[in-house]
Amino acid sequence: MPLYSFQCTACKAEFETLVRSSDTPVCPECGSDRLERLIGSLAPAGKVDGLLSAGRAQAAREGHFSNYSKSELKRRKK
């Protein structure tokens, strides 16, 4: 289920909620279903690579390599 940000057009409250495609969200403040979906912000560039390498380094310290691809494992074992 994706996380969406909404603004209620009735009371102007902003909130985030998990929404299935079959669900119609309602405002937690006033209960209205007159909502506008807001544009979310993107993750900052460059953070993913740092998180990935940190996670892999921790996995290597702990002695498991399950999060490496086969080609990366071959290079790692050399």
Protein backbone atom coordinates (compact mmCIF):
# COMPACT_ATOMS: atom_id res chain seq x y z
CA MET A 1 0.00 0.00 0.00
CA PRO A 2 1.43 3.37 -0.94
CA LEU A 3 1.70 6.25 1.52
CA TYR A 4 -0.02 9.39 0.26
CA SER A 5 -0.22 12.95 1.58
CA PHE A 6 -3.59 14.68 1.47
CA GLN A 7 -5.11 18.06 2.23
CA CYS A 8 -8.75 18.25 3.21
CA THR A 9 -10.62 20.87 1.17
CA ALA A 10 -13.21 21.25 3.94
CA CYS A 11 -10.97 22.01 6.95
CA LYS A 12 -7.54 22.45 5.29
CA ALA A 13 -5.92 19.75 7.49
CA GLU A 14 -2.89 17.97 5.98
CA PHE A 15 -2.17 14.33 6.74
CA GLU A 16 -0.51 11.18 5.41
CA THR A 17 -2.18 7.79 5.16
CA LEU A 18 -1.69 4.37 3.60
CA VAL A 19 -4.26 3.89 0.84
CA ARG A 20 -5.31 0.78 -1.04
CA SER A 21 -6.65 1.28 -4.54
CA SER A 22 -10.13 0.21 -3.40
CA ASP A 23 -10.20 2.53 -0.34
CA THR A 24 -11.46 6.10 -0.16
CA PRO A 25 -9.59 7.98 2.58
CA VAL A 26 -11.32 10.45 4.89
CA CYS A 27 -9.96 13.39 6.85
CA PRO A 28 -9.01 12.40 10.41
CA GLU A 29 -9.98 15.89 11.65
CA CYS A 30 -13.46 16.38 10.20
CA GLY A 31 -14.33 13.08 8.48
CA SER A 32 -14.78 14.66 5.04
CA ASP A 33 -13.91 12.70 1.91
CA ARG A 34 -13.22 15.89 -0.10
CA LEU A 35 -9.45 15.54 -0.29
CA GLU A 36 -6.67 16.70 -2.59
CA ARG A 37 -3.65 14.47 -2.96
CA LEU A 38 -0.46 16.44 -2.43
CA ILE A 39 2.78 16.03 -4.34
CA GLY A 40 5.36 14.33 -2.14
CA SER A 41 9.01 15.20 -1.91
CA LEU A 42 11.69 13.02 -3.45
CA ALA A 43 14.53 11.37 -1.58
CA PRO A 44 17.72 13.44 -1.76
CA ALA A 45 20.15 12.31 -4.43
CA GLY A 46 23.17 10.33 -3.34
CA LYS A 47 21.73 8.93 -0.14
CA VAL A 48 20.85 5.49 -1.53
CA ASP A 49 24.40 4.55 -2.48
CA GLY A 50 25.69 5.48 0.95
CA LEU A 51 22.99 3.49 2.71
CA LEU A 52 23.58 0.51 0.46
CA SER A 53 27.32 0.45 1.03
CA ALA A 54 26.85 0.89 4.79
CA GLY A 55 24.42 -2.03 4.87
CA ARG A 56 26.77 -4.21 2.88
CA ALA A 57 29.70 -3.32 5.10
CA GLN A 58 27.68 -4.29 8.17
CA ALA A 59 26.66 -7.59 6.52
CA ALA A 60 30.30 -8.33 5.73
CA ARG A 61 31.32 -7.60 9.33
CA GLU A 62 28.61 -9.98 10.52
CA GLY A 63 29.81 -12.69 8.13
CA HIS A 64 26.93 -12.93 5.68
CA PHE A 65 26.73 -11.79 2.09
CA SER A 66 23.08 -12.45 1.24
CA ASN A 67 22.50 -8.90 0.00
CA TYR A 68 25.19 -9.09 -2.71
CA SER A 69 24.51 -10.06 -6.33
CA LYS A 70 26.32 -13.09 -7.79
CA SER A 71 28.76 -10.91 -9.73
CA GLU A 72 29.55 -8.88 -6.62
CA LEU A 73 30.14 -12.05 -4.60
CA LYS A 74 32.68 -13.27 -7.17
CA ARG A 75 34.61 -10.00 -6.93
CA ARG A 76 34.34 -9.97 -3.15
CA LYS A 77 35.79 -13.48 -2.74
CA LYS A 78 38.93 -12.67 -4.77
